[in-house]
Amino acid sequence: MKWSHVQANWSAFYEAIQEKWEDVDEAMLDEIDGDQRAFVRYIAEVTEQDISEARDEIKEWLAGEIPADVVMDPAHDNHSIALSGKYVSEGEDEYADDARFGDDDDYPDDGDNLGRV
């Protein structure tokens, strides 16, 4: 992941940050507010490392995957759904309930065409 992902979704990363660095304080994370330099300094302070060691540790952490709770954020979901529209057949709504996806009305009275004309 890139720092821009972290910065744009700063509060969503709190849990992942606290899993990696158990001694961080959520109030300090609020103050840092996604500022990468401030975060590096804070991690160096909390872990009692040199700035360069803290920076390397953060780079290693950034090499991992974006945490699921960040990816599942509603803003990301809506963006992904909107992008999926190019794969949805004409006349269908990409925001519609997909519980019966692919049904194609094999069972006409099963309720999957509610609200459609």
Protein backbone atom coordinates (compact mmCIF):
# COMPACT_ATOMS: atom_id res chain seq x y z
CA MET A 1 0.00 0.00 0.00
CA LYS A 2 1.07 3.59 -0.39
CA TRP A 3 1.16 6.30 2.22
CA SER A 4 -1.56 8.12 0.27
CA HIS A 5 -3.93 5.21 1.13
CA VAL A 6 -3.06 5.58 4.79
CA GLN A 7 -3.33 9.35 4.77
CA ALA A 8 -6.67 9.40 2.93
CA ASN A 9 -8.19 6.89 5.37
CA TRP A 10 -6.19 7.78 8.46
CA SER A 11 -8.69 6.92 11.19
CA ALA A 12 -9.59 3.63 9.49
CA PHE A 13 -5.94 2.58 9.92
CA TYR A 14 -5.90 3.09 13.71
CA GLU A 15 -6.60 -0.57 14.47
CA ALA A 16 -3.90 -1.79 12.08
CA ILE A 17 -1.42 0.73 13.52
CA GLN A 18 -2.25 -0.34 17.06
CA GLU A 19 -1.81 -4.01 16.11
CA LYS A 20 1.65 -3.28 14.74
CA TRP A 21 2.73 -0.80 17.45
CA GLU A 22 0.85 -1.69 20.64
CA ASP A 23 2.08 1.33 22.63
CA VAL A 24 0.64 4.00 20.33
CA ASP A 25 -1.98 6.30 21.78
CA GLU A 26 -5.16 6.97 19.80
CA ALA A 27 -5.19 10.62 20.92
CA MET A 28 -1.71 11.03 19.41
CA LEU A 29 -2.89 9.39 16.19
CA ASP A 30 -5.68 11.99 16.11
CA GLU A 31 -3.08 14.75 16.43
CA ILE A 32 -0.85 13.24 13.73
CA ASP A 33 -3.83 13.17 11.34
CA GLY A 34 -2.03 11.32 8.55
CA ASP A 35 1.14 13.46 8.56
CA GLN A 36 3.82 10.96 7.52
CA ARG A 37 6.76 12.83 9.07
CA ALA A 38 4.95 13.26 12.37
CA PHE A 39 4.03 9.56 12.31
CA VAL A 40 7.64 8.51 11.72
CA ARG A 41 8.80 10.71 14.61
CA TYR A 42 6.07 9.35 16.86
CA ILE A 43 6.86 5.70 16.05
CA ALA A 44 10.56 6.41 16.67
CA GLU A 45 9.64 7.86 20.06
CA VAL A 46 7.25 5.04 21.02
CA THR A 47 9.63 2.27 19.95
CA GLU A 48 12.76 4.07 21.18
CA GLN A 49 14.37 3.74 17.75
CA ASP A 50 16.30 6.09 15.52
CA ILE A 51 14.23 7.93 12.93
CA SER A 52 15.78 5.83 10.16
CA GLU A 53 14.90 2.58 11.95
CA ALA A 54 11.32 3.75 12.50
CA ARG A 55 11.09 4.82 8.85
CA ASP A 56 12.29 1.37 7.73
CA GLU A 57 9.78 -0.34 10.02
CA ILE A 58 6.97 1.79 8.60
CA LYS A 59 8.10 1.02 5.03
CA GLU A 60 7.98 -2.67 5.87
CA TRP A 61 4.48 -2.23 7.30
CA LEU A 62 3.41 -0.36 4.15
CA ALA A 63 4.60 -3.29 2.03
CA GLY A 64 1.70 -5.32 3.45
CA GLU A 65 -1.87 -5.41 2.28
CA ILE A 66 -4.45 -2.75 3.04
CA PRO A 67 -6.40 -3.99 6.09
CA ALA A 68 -9.80 -5.47 5.29
CA ASP A 69 -11.64 -2.99 7.50
CA VAL A 70 -10.18 -0.16 5.41
CA VAL A 71 -11.02 -1.85 2.11
CA MET A 72 -14.57 -2.52 3.31
CA ASP A 73 -15.14 1.15 4.11
CA PRO A 74 -18.47 2.29 2.57
CA ALA A 75 -16.73 4.96 0.48
CA HIS A 76 -14.57 2.29 -1.14
CA ASP A 77 -17.54 -0.04 -1.56
CA ASN A 78 -19.59 2.58 -3.39
CA HIS A 79 -16.64 3.42 -5.65
CA SER A 80 -16.11 -0.27 -6.46
CA ILE A 81 -19.80 -0.76 -7.14
CA ALA A 82 -19.84 2.22 -9.49
CA LEU A 83 -16.83 0.83 -11.36
CA SER A 84 -18.55 -2.55 -11.67
CA GLY A 85 -21.27 -0.93 -13.76
CA LYS A 86 -19.33 -1.69 -16.94
CA TYR A 87 -19.84 -5.41 -16.24
CA VAL A 88 -23.58 -5.19 -15.58
CA SER A 89 -25.95 -5.91 -18.42
CA GLU A 90 -27.84 -3.04 -20.01
CA GLY A 91 -31.05 -2.29 -18.16
CA GLU A 92 -29.76 -3.63 -14.83
CA ASP A 93 -28.77 -1.45 -11.91
CA GLU A 94 -25.32 -2.06 -10.41
CA TYR A 95 -26.68 -0.84 -7.06
CA ALA A 96 -29.58 -3.32 -7.04
CA ASP A 97 -29.65 -6.22 -4.59
CA ASP A 98 -27.58 -9.03 -6.06
CA ALA A 99 -29.02 -11.82 -3.91
CA ARG A 100 -30.49 -13.42 -7.03
CA PHE A 101 -27.58 -12.59 -9.34
CA GLY A 102 -27.67 -14.80 -12.42
CA ASP A 103 -31.18 -16.08 -11.73
CA ASP A 104 -32.53 -15.04 -15.15
CA ASP A 105 -36.07 -15.77 -13.93
CA ASP A 106 -35.85 -19.55 -13.98
CA TYR A 107 -38.40 -19.25 -11.18
CA PRO A 108 -40.80 -16.46 -12.24
CA ASP A 109 -42.59 -15.97 -8.90
CA ASP A 110 -39.54 -16.00 -6.60
CA GLY A 111 -39.59 -12.23 -5.99
CA ASP A 112 -36.34 -11.33 -7.75
CA ASN A 113 -38.02 -8.92 -10.12
CA LEU A 114 -39.72 -6.75 -7.50
CA GLY A 115 -39.91 -3.13 -8.52
CA ARG A 116 -39.14 -3.85 -12.17
CA VAL A 117 -41.59 -3.38 -14.97
